N, C-alpha and C. Protein backbone atom coordinates (compact mmCIF):
# COMPACT_ATOMS: atom_id res chain seq x y z
N MET A 1 86.42 117.53 65.66
CA MET A 1 87.63 117.38 66.73
C MET A 1 86.86 117.70 68.39
N ALA A 2 85.81 118.30 68.21
CA ALA A 2 85.10 118.70 69.47
C ALA A 2 84.40 117.12 69.88
N ALA A 3 83.86 116.37 69.01
CA ALA A 3 83.35 115.15 69.16
C ALA A 3 84.43 114.21 69.90
N GLU A 4 85.55 114.39 69.30
CA GLU A 4 86.67 113.64 69.92
C GLU A 4 86.98 113.78 71.52
N VAL A 5 86.79 115.08 71.41
CA VAL A 5 86.94 115.99 73.13
C VAL A 5 85.94 115.01 74.09
N LYS A 6 85.01 115.22 73.50
CA LYS A 6 83.46 114.82 74.33
C LYS A 6 83.72 113.10 74.33
N GLU A 7 84.28 112.42 73.61
CA GLU A 7 84.40 111.02 73.58
C GLU A 7 85.32 110.71 74.80
N LEU A 8 86.56 111.23 74.47
CA LEU A 8 87.63 111.16 75.46
C LEU A 8 87.29 111.56 76.89
N LEU A 9 86.40 112.55 77.19
CA LEU A 9 86.14 113.00 78.47
C LEU A 9 85.16 111.81 78.79
N ALA A 10 84.39 111.39 78.12
CA ALA A 10 83.17 110.40 78.68
C ALA A 10 84.11 109.04 78.91
N GLU A 11 84.97 108.82 78.03
CA GLU A 11 85.54 107.00 78.58
C GLU A 11 86.52 107.34 79.54
N ALA A 12 87.33 108.92 79.72
CA ALA A 12 87.78 108.94 80.91
C ALA A 12 87.25 108.94 82.27
N GLY A 13 85.81 109.47 82.16
CA GLY A 13 84.88 109.36 83.34
C GLY A 13 84.67 107.82 83.67
N ARG A 14 84.33 107.08 82.52
CA ARG A 14 83.93 105.97 82.64
C ARG A 14 85.01 105.08 83.45
N LEU A 15 86.08 105.05 82.79
CA LEU A 15 87.34 104.67 83.23
C LEU A 15 87.32 104.71 85.15
N ARG A 16 87.50 106.04 85.35
CA ARG A 16 87.59 106.76 86.64
C ARG A 16 86.65 106.00 87.37
N GLU A 17 85.41 105.85 86.81
CA GLU A 17 84.16 105.12 87.79
C GLU A 17 84.57 103.72 88.16
N GLU A 18 85.26 102.88 87.18
CA GLU A 18 85.56 101.92 87.19
C GLU A 18 86.63 101.45 88.38
N HIS A 19 87.54 102.58 88.22
CA HIS A 19 88.98 102.52 89.19
C HIS A 19 88.34 102.66 90.79
N ASP A 20 87.02 103.41 90.82
CA ASP A 20 86.63 103.72 92.15
C ASP A 20 85.86 102.55 92.60
N ARG A 21 85.22 101.80 91.77
CA ARG A 21 84.47 100.82 91.97
C ARG A 21 85.36 99.64 92.60
N ALA A 22 86.37 99.35 91.81
CA ALA A 22 87.47 98.24 91.98
C ALA A 22 88.14 98.73 93.48
N ARG A 23 88.49 100.08 93.60
CA ARG A 23 89.30 100.25 94.83
C ARG A 23 88.06 100.03 96.15
N GLU A 24 87.13 100.24 96.08
CA GLU A 24 85.96 99.94 96.91
C GLU A 24 85.96 98.49 97.30
N LYS A 25 85.83 97.60 96.22
CA LYS A 25 85.61 95.98 96.39
C LYS A 25 87.00 95.64 96.56
N GLU A 26 88.22 96.03 96.66
CA GLU A 26 89.39 95.91 97.02
C GLU A 26 89.49 96.07 98.27
N MET A 27 89.06 96.91 98.83
CA MET A 27 89.06 97.34 100.32
C MET A 27 88.13 96.35 101.18
N LEU A 28 87.17 95.86 100.58
CA LEU A 28 86.36 95.15 101.02
C LEU A 28 86.74 93.55 101.14
N LEU A 29 87.35 93.19 100.11
CA LEU A 29 88.23 91.72 100.00
C LEU A 29 89.17 91.87 101.13
N ARG A 30 90.04 93.10 101.32
CA ARG A 30 91.18 92.95 102.50
C ARG A 30 90.49 92.96 103.50
N ALA A 31 89.27 93.39 103.85
CA ALA A 31 88.73 93.38 105.28
C ALA A 31 88.48 91.78 105.86
N ARG A 32 87.49 91.33 104.45
CA ARG A 32 87.18 89.96 104.83
C ARG A 32 88.37 88.96 104.66
N SER A 33 89.38 89.28 103.95
CA SER A 33 90.52 88.24 104.25
C SER A 33 91.12 88.52 105.52
N VAL A 34 91.31 89.76 106.11
CA VAL A 34 91.96 89.84 107.51
C VAL A 34 90.94 89.07 108.43
N GLU A 35 89.72 89.30 108.52
CA GLU A 35 88.64 88.60 109.21
C GLU A 35 88.70 86.79 109.35
N MET A 36 88.90 86.87 108.05
CA MET A 36 88.90 85.36 107.55
C MET A 36 90.17 84.44 108.07
N ARG A 37 91.02 85.24 108.13
CA ARG A 37 92.57 84.78 108.36
C ARG A 37 92.87 83.77 109.61
N PRO A 38 91.93 83.90 110.69
CA PRO A 38 92.01 82.83 111.91
C PRO A 38 91.42 81.51 111.43
N ASP A 39 90.19 81.66 110.86
CA ASP A 39 89.35 80.59 110.51
C ASP A 39 90.06 79.82 109.13
N ASP A 40 90.17 80.24 108.03
CA ASP A 40 90.60 79.78 107.10
C ASP A 40 91.70 80.75 106.25
N ALA A 41 93.03 80.43 106.46
CA ALA A 41 93.94 80.84 105.89
C ALA A 41 94.12 80.71 104.34
N ASP A 42 93.91 79.78 103.70
CA ASP A 42 93.62 79.54 102.36
C ASP A 42 93.24 80.45 101.61
N GLN A 43 91.83 80.51 102.31
CA GLN A 43 90.31 81.16 101.57
C GLN A 43 91.11 82.82 101.77
N ALA A 44 91.64 82.99 102.93
CA ALA A 44 91.88 84.33 103.21
C ALA A 44 93.07 84.99 102.17
N GLU A 45 93.79 84.12 101.78
CA GLU A 45 94.89 84.24 100.92
C GLU A 45 94.45 84.83 99.41
N ARG A 46 93.33 83.67 99.24
CA ARG A 46 92.84 83.70 97.99
C ARG A 46 92.24 84.94 97.75
N LEU A 47 91.63 85.74 98.88
CA LEU A 47 90.88 86.72 98.85
C LEU A 47 91.85 88.13 98.82
N TRP A 48 92.78 87.94 99.38
CA TRP A 48 94.06 89.02 99.56
C TRP A 48 94.33 89.03 98.08
N GLN A 49 94.82 87.61 97.24
CA GLN A 49 95.21 87.89 95.92
C GLN A 49 94.39 88.67 95.11
N GLU A 50 93.03 88.21 95.05
CA GLU A 50 91.98 88.94 94.38
C GLU A 50 92.09 90.16 94.53
N ALA A 51 92.22 90.99 95.82
CA ALA A 51 92.28 92.10 95.98
C ALA A 51 93.29 93.07 95.42
N GLU A 52 94.78 92.23 95.37
CA GLU A 52 95.94 92.90 94.69
C GLU A 52 95.75 93.08 93.30
N GLU A 53 94.76 91.86 92.52
CA GLU A 53 94.46 92.07 91.35
C GLU A 53 93.60 93.35 90.82
N LEU A 54 92.69 93.45 91.66
CA LEU A 54 91.75 94.72 91.73
C LEU A 54 92.82 95.76 91.91
N HIS A 55 93.60 95.78 92.66
CA HIS A 55 94.28 97.05 93.25
C HIS A 55 95.05 97.31 91.71
N GLU A 56 95.74 96.41 90.97
CA GLU A 56 96.16 96.61 89.63
C GLU A 56 95.63 97.21 88.90
N ALA A 57 94.26 96.44 88.60
CA ALA A 57 93.38 97.01 87.40
C ALA A 57 93.07 98.46 87.63
N ALA A 58 92.61 98.59 89.26
CA ALA A 58 92.11 100.02 89.20
C ALA A 58 93.28 101.11 89.03
N ARG A 59 94.47 100.64 89.33
CA ARG A 59 95.48 101.48 88.94
C ARG A 59 95.71 101.49 87.67
N GLU A 60 95.76 100.63 86.62
CA GLU A 60 95.42 100.79 85.24
C GLU A 60 94.65 101.57 84.90
N ASN A 61 93.19 101.76 85.40
CA ASN A 61 92.30 102.29 84.88
C ASN A 61 92.47 103.88 85.17
N LEU A 62 92.93 104.04 86.29
CA LEU A 62 93.25 105.45 86.46
C LEU A 62 94.41 106.03 85.92
N ARG A 63 95.40 105.34 85.53
CA ARG A 63 96.61 105.74 84.21
C ARG A 63 95.79 106.13 83.27
N LEU A 64 94.91 105.17 82.83
CA LEU A 64 94.21 105.26 81.06
C LEU A 64 93.25 106.51 81.13
N SER A 65 92.41 106.94 82.38
CA SER A 65 91.73 107.79 82.68
C SER A 65 92.33 109.16 82.58
N THR A 66 93.51 109.25 83.22
CA THR A 66 94.50 110.49 82.90
C THR A 66 94.92 110.50 81.71
N GLU A 67 95.36 109.69 81.20
CA GLU A 67 95.91 109.91 79.64
C GLU A 67 94.72 110.36 78.80
N LYS A 68 93.63 109.93 79.06
CA LYS A 68 92.55 110.31 77.95
C LYS A 68 92.07 111.58 78.32
N ARG A 69 92.02 112.00 79.61
CA ARG A 69 91.84 113.61 79.87
C ARG A 69 92.86 114.54 79.20
N LEU A 70 94.13 114.02 79.24
CA LEU A 70 95.23 114.89 78.85
C LEU A 70 95.01 115.10 77.22
N ARG A 71 95.24 113.86 76.78
CA ARG A 71 94.74 113.60 75.11
C ARG A 71 93.67 114.77 74.86
N ALA A 72 92.38 114.61 75.75
CA ALA A 72 91.32 115.63 75.18
C ALA A 72 91.67 116.94 75.54
N ALA A 73 92.41 117.37 76.44
CA ALA A 73 92.89 118.98 77.05
C ALA A 73 93.90 119.30 75.49
N ASP A 74 94.74 118.27 75.09
CA ASP A 74 95.62 118.69 74.20
C ASP A 74 94.68 118.99 72.79
N VAL A 75 93.75 117.82 72.39
CA VAL A 75 92.84 118.40 71.59
C VAL A 75 92.22 119.62 71.37
N GLN A 76 91.61 120.07 72.69
CA GLN A 76 91.06 121.30 72.83
C GLN A 76 91.56 122.56 72.77
N HIS A 77 93.02 122.10 73.24
CA HIS A 77 93.93 123.50 72.93
C HIS A 77 94.00 123.62 71.50
N ARG A 78 94.02 122.58 70.84
CA ARG A 78 94.15 122.65 69.35
C ARG A 78 93.19 123.28 68.77
N ILE A 79 92.08 122.85 69.13
CA ILE A 79 90.59 123.74 68.71
C ILE A 79 90.72 125.11 69.11
N ASP A 80 91.09 125.39 70.21
CA ASP A 80 90.95 126.74 70.49
C ASP A 80 92.24 127.82 69.74
N VAL A 81 93.48 127.09 69.90
CA VAL A 81 94.25 127.72 68.60
C VAL A 81 93.83 128.33 67.60
N HIS A 82 93.29 126.95 66.87
CA HIS A 82 92.45 126.98 65.48
C HIS A 82 91.56 128.26 65.37
N ASP A 83 90.56 128.18 66.58
CA ASP A 83 89.64 129.27 66.62
C ASP A 83 90.36 130.29 66.74
N LEU A 84 91.26 130.87 67.49
CA LEU A 84 91.59 132.08 67.67
C LEU A 84 92.37 132.53 66.36
N ILE A 85 93.26 131.74 65.62
CA ILE A 85 93.94 131.76 64.42
C ILE A 85 92.84 132.39 63.45
N GLU A 86 91.55 131.67 63.26
CA GLU A 86 90.38 131.97 62.58
C GLU A 86 89.94 133.45 62.55
N SER A 87 89.76 133.69 64.09
CA SER A 87 88.98 134.94 64.87
C SER A 87 90.22 136.11 64.41
N MET A 88 91.52 135.89 64.27
CA MET A 88 92.37 136.82 63.91
C MET A 88 92.54 137.08 62.41
N ASP A 89 92.30 136.16 61.54
CA ASP A 89 92.19 136.07 60.18
C ASP A 89 90.97 137.16 59.81
N ASN A 90 89.81 136.80 60.64
CA ASN A 90 88.85 137.75 60.42
C ASN A 90 89.15 139.14 60.57
N SER A 91 89.66 139.18 61.60
CA SER A 91 89.46 140.85 61.96
C SER A 91 90.49 141.49 61.26
N ASP A 92 91.83 140.98 60.93
CA ASP A 92 92.61 141.46 59.78
C ASP A 92 91.66 141.72 58.63
N GLU A 93 90.96 141.08 58.04
CA GLU A 93 90.00 141.38 57.03
C GLU A 93 89.26 142.66 57.38
N VAL A 94 88.42 142.70 58.50
CA VAL A 94 87.79 143.45 59.03
C VAL A 94 88.59 144.99 58.93
N TRP A 95 89.83 144.96 59.53
CA TRP A 95 90.47 146.11 59.76
C TRP A 95 91.08 146.59 58.22
N SER A 96 91.19 145.98 57.33
CA SER A 96 91.63 146.07 56.11
C SER A 96 90.43 146.63 55.21
N ARG A 97 89.02 146.18 55.52
CA ARG A 97 87.92 146.82 55.00
C ARG A 97 87.50 148.44 55.32
N ALA A 98 87.78 148.47 56.84
CA ALA A 98 87.68 149.51 57.45
C ALA A 98 88.59 150.51 57.05
N ALA A 99 89.62 150.45 56.60
CA ALA A 99 90.85 151.34 56.33
C ALA A 99 90.45 151.80 55.11
N ARG A 100 90.37 150.94 54.04
CA ARG A 100 89.68 151.26 52.65
C ARG A 100 88.51 152.24 52.82
N ALA A 101 87.73 151.74 53.47
CA ALA A 101 86.56 152.82 53.39
C ALA A 101 86.43 153.95 54.27
N ALA A 102 87.50 154.26 54.98
CA ALA A 102 87.94 155.47 55.38
C ALA A 102 88.71 156.40 54.39
N ARG A 103 89.43 155.60 53.57
CA ARG A 103 90.45 156.37 52.66
C ARG A 103 89.24 156.79 51.10
N ARG A 104 88.19 156.18 51.32
CA ARG A 104 87.02 156.60 50.33
C ARG A 104 86.56 157.71 50.53
């Protein structure tokens, strides 16, 4: 399960980086579109539409990144609970042996 957490966090990081790159490119396209509008309105509109598509893709990548981080946190929580239960089981055994040794 620890490997799953690692994979989920790596994928979340990759998706976040893609989100950031898409947002940067979106801003550049919007700026170019605004600059170009007086000279070539059709090309400016195409650039604006491409920026809109990048915006949607970036938003989806951010959503997926967040979802994967939440999933990783959930799996890590289960690992932590499992480890805690195992340590409690072990401590019960140690206390039992200590109590028996004291009675001898």
